[in-house]
Amino acid sequence: MSRGPSKNLRIATFNINGIRSRLARLLEWLEKEKPDVACLQELKADDAAFPAAAIERAGYGALWHGQRAWNGVAILARGAAPVEVRRGLPGGEEDTHSRYLEAEIGGIVVASLYLPNGNPIGGPKFDYKLAWFERLIAYAAGLYESDAPVVLAGDFNVVPTDFDIYNPASWRRDALLQPQTRACYERLLAQGWVDALRVLHPGERIYTFWDYFRNHWQRNAGLRIDHLLVNRALAPRLAAAGVDAWVRGQPGASDHAPTWIELAPHVRKRTAAKKAARKAPAKRARQGSAQVAARRAK
């Protein structure tokens, strides 16, 4: 079922895994789900090859930070033009990877990020992953403390806990589950960032990535590695979060599915009716106890 009319703002992240080869899948998703903001990763296309015209015809303004064959991030805004804030994290003067893009859209700062995979562990790729994570942690601290509402969205390439993967045993040597990787993510959250999907669905197994091999999609053998983190200015506005898993089942799909949050227009407050409803069971329980005591006293 496609998304109906809503006053909430929907912000999504989607590792497209090649925007040129999967443009049709992207446009299909944009048409059906109509996210207000879409952060893309793994464009695998340089700036000149980005399909800006097709995305504009779909009703979206776009910013992109491309790279041929690898990496690449973008931010799309429905009916609006994202205003670029920065591209690339501080401290990476020699880092040529296109992994971070930040924009302002309707008063909200949105970052699209693609954290390094890091495999194989014990080598330069894993060292680069941890170094990039450290740069993100340092920069995110300032973003969190700013007065602006901020969303960090993207493929973090980290499985936060064993609850976020179908079976951790076969992935123990993977960079996504290493203690150092998870410790970096925990330090990021310790700044105050809210992992929106997990906070709104604390007891539900939710996946955002299914490997192409060994029928992972067909068996729902997934991992949760795509995250949307919000700062304290936005956390009270969290209204919903989910995964458009149907996208992963389409022909020629990415191995990721779009993940999203919805933000209410204003801070969500409990209504008097809801407060009364929450108090009612306790009140009824107290009344019931008093009646039992009265009967026993007779």
Protein backbone atom coordinates (compact mmCIF):
# COMPACT_ATOMS: atom_id res chain seq x y z
CA MET A 1 0.00 0.00 0.00
CA SER A 2 1.38 3.40 -0.96
CA ARG A 3 1.70 6.23 1.49
CA GLY A 4 -1.43 8.37 1.81
CA PRO A 5 -1.70 12.09 2.56
CA SER A 6 0.04 13.08 5.78
CA LYS A 7 1.02 16.24 7.60
CA ASN A 8 4.07 14.47 8.96
CA LEU A 9 7.47 14.95 7.36
CA ARG A 10 8.95 11.68 6.08
CA ILE A 11 12.74 11.43 5.87
CA ALA A 12 14.21 8.27 4.37
CA THR A 13 17.59 6.72 3.72
CA PHE A 14 18.26 4.28 0.89
CA ASN A 15 21.49 2.60 -0.19
CA ILE A 16 20.63 2.40 -3.88
CA ASN A 17 23.71 0.31 -4.78
CA GLY A 18 24.19 1.93 -8.19
CA ILE A 19 21.88 4.78 -9.16
CA ARG A 20 22.24 4.34 -12.92
CA SER A 21 21.45 0.63 -12.97
CA ARG A 22 18.63 1.02 -10.43
CA LEU A 23 17.14 4.35 -11.46
CA ALA A 24 13.83 2.69 -12.37
CA ARG A 25 13.61 1.14 -8.89
CA LEU A 26 14.38 4.52 -7.28
CA LEU A 27 11.74 6.36 -9.31
CA GLU A 28 9.20 3.63 -8.57
CA TRP A 29 9.79 4.00 -4.85
CA LEU A 30 9.66 7.82 -4.97
CA GLU A 31 6.36 7.71 -6.84
CA LYS A 32 4.75 5.18 -4.52
CA GLU A 33 6.01 6.24 -1.08
CA LYS A 34 6.61 9.97 -1.70
CA PRO A 35 9.25 10.63 0.97
CA ASP A 36 9.74 14.34 1.63
CA VAL A 37 13.49 13.84 1.94
CA ALA A 38 15.52 10.92 0.61
CA CYS A 39 19.16 10.33 1.48
CA LEU A 40 20.92 8.03 -0.99
CA GLN A 41 24.17 6.10 -0.68
CA GLU A 42 26.41 4.09 -3.00
CA LEU A 43 25.57 6.08 -6.09
CA LYS A 44 28.53 4.49 -7.90
CA ALA A 45 28.49 7.36 -10.38
CA ASP A 46 30.52 10.52 -10.75
CA ASP A 47 28.85 13.93 -10.63
CA ALA A 48 28.40 14.17 -14.39
CA ALA A 49 26.58 10.82 -14.53
CA PHE A 50 24.03 11.64 -11.81
CA PRO A 51 20.49 11.43 -13.31
CA ALA A 52 19.45 14.89 -12.16
CA ALA A 53 16.94 15.44 -14.97
CA ALA A 54 15.01 12.24 -14.27
CA ILE A 55 14.87 12.99 -10.56
CA GLU A 56 13.72 16.54 -11.24
CA ARG A 57 10.91 15.22 -13.46
CA ALA A 58 9.88 13.04 -10.52
CA GLY A 59 9.39 16.23 -8.49
CA TYR A 60 12.60 16.28 -6.45
CA GLY A 61 15.40 18.77 -6.08
CA ALA A 62 18.78 17.15 -5.49
CA LEU A 63 22.31 17.57 -4.22
CA TRP A 64 24.91 14.91 -4.90
CA HIS A 65 28.52 14.08 -4.12
CA GLY A 66 29.44 11.40 -6.61
CA GLN A 67 32.34 9.09 -7.24
CA ARG A 68 32.89 6.81 -10.19
CA ALA A 69 32.26 3.11 -9.53
CA TRP A 70 32.30 3.45 -5.72
CA ASN A 71 30.67 5.35 -2.86
CA GLY A 72 28.68 8.52 -3.59
CA VAL A 73 25.88 10.14 -1.57
CA ALA A 74 22.92 12.35 -2.42
CA ILE A 75 20.03 14.20 -0.79
CA LEU A 76 16.67 14.61 -2.53
CA ALA A 77 13.86 16.93 -1.43
CA ARG A 78 10.29 16.71 -2.75
CA GLY A 79 9.25 20.00 -4.29
CA ALA A 80 12.24 21.83 -2.85
CA ALA A 81 15.91 22.55 -3.45
CA PRO A 82 18.22 21.29 -0.68
CA VAL A 83 20.68 23.95 0.45
CA GLU A 84 24.19 22.51 0.77
CA VAL A 85 25.87 22.91 4.14
CA ARG A 86 28.98 20.82 3.63
CA ARG A 87 30.41 17.84 1.75
CA GLY A 88 32.92 15.58 3.40
CA LEU A 89 33.77 15.37 7.09
CA PRO A 90 36.39 17.65 8.67
CA GLY A 91 39.84 16.19 9.13
CA GLY A 92 39.95 14.22 5.91
CA GLU A 93 42.00 16.41 3.64
CA GLU A 94 43.56 13.36 1.98
CA ASP A 95 40.35 11.32 1.96
CA THR A 96 39.04 11.14 -1.62
CA HIS A 97 35.97 9.03 -0.83
CA SER A 98 32.54 10.64 -1.36
CA ARG A 99 30.82 9.53 1.83
CA TYR A 100 29.22 12.56 3.52
CA LEU A 101 26.83 15.26 2.35
CA GLU A 102 24.89 17.69 4.52
CA ALA A 103 22.05 20.01 3.57
CA GLU A 104 19.36 22.22 5.08
CA ILE A 105 15.77 21.50 4.05
CA GLY A 106 12.87 23.41 5.54
CA GLY A 107 14.79 24.34 8.66
CA ILE A 108 16.10 20.80 9.30
CA VAL A 109 19.73 19.80 8.81
CA VAL A 110 19.95 16.43 7.07
CA ALA A 111 23.14 14.44 6.55
CA SER A 112 23.46 11.53 4.12
CA LEU A 113 26.39 9.32 5.06
CA TYR A 114 27.98 6.11 3.88
CA LEU A 115 30.30 4.69 6.50
CA PRO A 116 33.11 2.42 5.20
CA ASN A 117 32.40 -1.30 5.17
CA GLY A 118 35.79 -2.17 6.71
CA ASN A 119 36.28 -5.72 5.47
CA PRO A 120 38.49 -7.62 5.83
CA ILE A 121 39.19 -6.91 9.48
CA GLY A 122 42.77 -6.62 10.65
CA GLY A 123 43.87 -4.61 7.62
CA PRO A 124 43.92 -1.06 6.22
CA LYS A 125 40.23 -1.10 5.25
CA PHE A 126 39.17 -1.79 8.83
CA ASP A 127 41.57 0.87 10.11
CA TYR A 128 40.05 3.34 7.66
CA LYS A 129 36.54 2.44 8.85
CA LEU A 130 37.43 3.16 12.48
CA ALA A 131 39.28 6.37 11.59
CA TRP A 132 36.28 7.59 9.58
CA PHE A 133 33.98 6.71 12.46
CA GLU A 134 36.16 8.78 14.81
CA ARG A 135 35.85 11.77 12.48
CA LEU A 136 32.08 11.33 12.42
CA ILE A 137 31.88 11.11 16.21
CA ALA A 138 33.93 14.30 16.61
CA TYR A 139 31.88 16.25 14.08
CA ALA A 140 28.51 14.88 15.25
CA ALA A 141 29.14 16.18 18.79
CA GLY A 142 28.98 19.74 17.50
CA LEU A 143 25.91 19.01 15.39
CA TYR A 144 24.10 17.54 18.36
CA GLU A 145 24.79 20.55 20.55
CA SER A 146 23.65 23.02 17.88
CA ASP A 147 20.23 24.64 18.10
CA ALA A 148 19.24 23.21 14.73
CA PRO A 149 17.12 20.06 14.39
CA VAL A 150 19.40 17.42 12.84
CA VAL A 151 19.02 13.98 11.24
CA LEU A 152 21.99 11.71 10.53
CA ALA A 153 20.78 9.23 7.93
CA GLY A 154 22.56 6.56 6.00
CA ASP A 155 24.27 3.22 5.72
CA PHE A 156 26.37 3.08 8.89
CA ASN A 157 27.70 -0.39 8.12
CA VAL A 158 27.27 -1.40 11.75
CA VAL A 159 24.94 -3.97 13.29
CA PRO A 160 24.38 -2.35 16.71
CA THR A 161 23.50 -5.54 18.64
CA ASP A 162 22.94 -9.24 18.05
CA PHE A 163 19.20 -8.49 18.07
CA ASP A 164 19.73 -6.55 14.82
CA ILE A 165 20.82 -9.57 12.77
CA TYR A 166 19.14 -12.85 11.90
CA ASN A 167 22.07 -14.98 13.12
CA PRO A 168 25.26 -13.37 14.43
CA ALA A 169 27.26 -16.62 14.53
CA SER A 170 28.14 -16.62 10.84
CA TRP A 171 29.09 -12.92 10.86
CA ARG A 172 31.41 -12.81 13.85
CA ARG A 173 34.45 -12.11 11.68
CA ASP A 174 32.69 -9.40 9.69
CA ALA A 175 33.60 -5.74 10.22
CA LEU A 176 29.94 -4.86 10.80
CA LEU A 177 29.83 -6.78 14.10
CA GLN A 178 33.27 -6.14 15.53
CA PRO A 179 33.43 -4.84 19.12
CA GLN A 180 35.36 -1.75 17.94
CA THR A 181 32.67 -0.95 15.38
CA ARG A 182 29.86 -1.36 17.87
CA ALA A 183 31.73 0.67 20.48
CA CYS A 184 32.00 3.58 18.04
CA TYR A 185 28.26 3.45 17.39
CA GLU A 186 27.55 3.35 21.12
CA ARG A 187 29.79 6.39 21.65
CA LEU A 188 27.85 8.22 18.97
CA LEU A 189 24.55 7.42 20.67
CA ALA A 190 26.06 8.42 24.02
CA GLN A 191 26.19 12.00 22.75
CA GLY A 192 22.40 11.90 22.93
CA TRP A 193 21.44 10.83 19.41
CA VAL A 194 18.28 8.74 19.21
CA ASP A 195 18.25 5.61 17.03
CA ALA A 196 14.71 6.27 15.81
CA LEU A 197 13.81 2.85 14.43
CA ARG A 198 14.94 0.99 17.52
CA VAL A 199 13.40 3.46 19.98
CA LEU A 200 10.00 3.23 18.30
CA HIS A 201 10.22 -0.55 17.82
CA PRO A 202 12.24 -1.79 20.81
CA GLY A 203 11.12 -5.42 20.72
CA GLU A 204 10.77 -6.00 16.99
CA ARG A 205 13.30 -7.65 14.72
CA ILE A 206 13.68 -5.21 11.83
CA TYR A 207 16.13 -5.56 8.97
CA THR A 208 17.23 -3.11 6.27
CA PHE A 209 19.76 -5.24 4.34
CA TRP A 210 19.57 -8.73 2.87
CA ASP A 211 22.64 -10.12 1.11
CA TYR A 212 22.28 -11.34 -2.48
CA PHE A 213 23.84 -14.69 -1.61
CA ARG A 214 22.36 -17.84 -0.07
CA ASN A 215 18.73 -16.68 -0.42
CA HIS A 216 18.99 -14.14 2.38
CA TRP A 217 15.96 -12.20 1.14
CA GLN A 218 13.81 -15.27 0.64
CA ARG A 219 14.66 -16.50 4.16
CA ASN A 220 14.39 -13.02 5.72
CA ALA A 221 17.97 -13.44 6.87
CA GLY A 222 18.64 -9.75 7.27
CA LEU A 223 20.71 -7.17 9.10
CA ARG A 224 19.86 -3.71 10.40
CA ILE A 225 22.66 -1.42 9.23
CA ASP A 226 20.78 1.60 7.82
CA HIS A 227 19.96 4.08 10.57
CA LEU A 228 18.34 7.45 11.15
CA LEU A 229 19.60 9.28 14.23
CA VAL A 230 17.89 12.44 15.49
CA ASN A 231 19.12 15.00 17.99
CA ARG A 232 17.24 16.33 21.00
CA ALA A 233 15.52 19.04 18.96
CA LEU A 234 13.78 16.40 16.82
CA ALA A 235 13.34 13.45 19.18
CA PRO A 236 10.05 14.74 20.65
CA ARG A 237 8.63 14.97 17.12
CA LEU A 238 9.21 11.32 16.23
CA ALA A 239 5.86 9.95 15.11
CA ALA A 240 6.68 6.78 13.17
CA ALA A 241 9.49 4.75 11.64
CA GLY A 242 9.72 1.78 9.33
CA VAL A 243 11.24 0.00 6.37
CA ASP A 244 9.82 -0.17 2.84
CA ALA A 245 10.82 -3.82 2.55
CA TRP A 246 8.75 -4.35 -0.60
CA VAL A 247 11.46 -2.50 -2.55
CA ARG A 248 13.96 -5.28 -1.79
CA GLY A 249 11.68 -7.83 -3.46
CA GLN A 250 11.51 -6.01 -6.80
CA PRO A 251 13.40 -7.30 -9.85
CA GLY A 252 16.96 -6.00 -9.97
CA ALA A 253 16.65 -4.49 -6.49
CA SER A 254 19.37 -3.10 -4.27
CA ASP A 255 20.36 -5.36 -1.39
CA HIS A 256 19.09 -2.61 0.95
CA ALA A 257 15.53 -1.39 1.50
CA PRO A 258 14.56 2.23 2.18
CA THR A 259 14.31 3.04 5.87
CA TRP A 260 12.34 6.05 7.10
CA ILE A 261 11.07 8.16 9.95
CA GLU A 262 8.12 10.52 10.21
CA LEU A 263 8.29 13.76 12.15
CA ALA A 264 5.16 15.39 13.52
CA PRO A 265 4.74 19.10 12.72
CA HIS A 266 4.94 20.00 16.40
CA VAL A 267 6.15 18.38 19.57
CA ARG A 268 3.88 15.46 20.36
CA LYS A 269 2.11 15.82 23.71
CA ARG A 270 -0.13 13.40 25.53
CA THR A 271 -3.71 14.57 25.40
CA ALA A 272 -5.91 14.71 28.49
CA ALA A 273 -7.87 11.75 27.12
CA LYS A 274 -4.72 9.67 26.80
CA LYS A 275 -3.61 10.61 30.30
CA ALA A 276 -7.00 9.64 31.66
CA ALA A 277 -6.93 6.37 29.75
CA ARG A 278 -3.56 5.50 31.25
CA LYS A 279 -4.74 6.30 34.77
CA ALA A 280 -8.04 4.42 34.42
CA PRO A 281 -6.67 0.84 34.76
CA ALA A 282 -4.78 1.73 37.94
CA LYS A 283 -7.82 3.47 39.34
CA ARG A 284 -10.02 0.49 38.57
CA ALA A 285 -7.47 -1.82 40.19
CA ARG A 286 -7.46 0.25 43.37
CA GLN A 287 -11.26 0.28 43.46
CA GLY A 288 -11.36 -3.48 42.96
CA SER A 289 -8.91 -4.05 45.83
CA ALA A 290 -11.00 -1.89 48.12
CA GLN A 291 -14.16 -3.79 47.25
CA VAL A 292 -12.44 -7.14 47.96
CA ALA A 293 -11.19 -5.86 51.29
CA ALA A 294 -14.67 -4.63 52.19
CA ARG A 295 -16.23 -8.00 51.40
CA ARG A 296 -13.62 -9.81 53.48
CA ALA A 297 -14.29 -7.51 56.42
CA LYS A 298 -18.03 -8.43 56.46
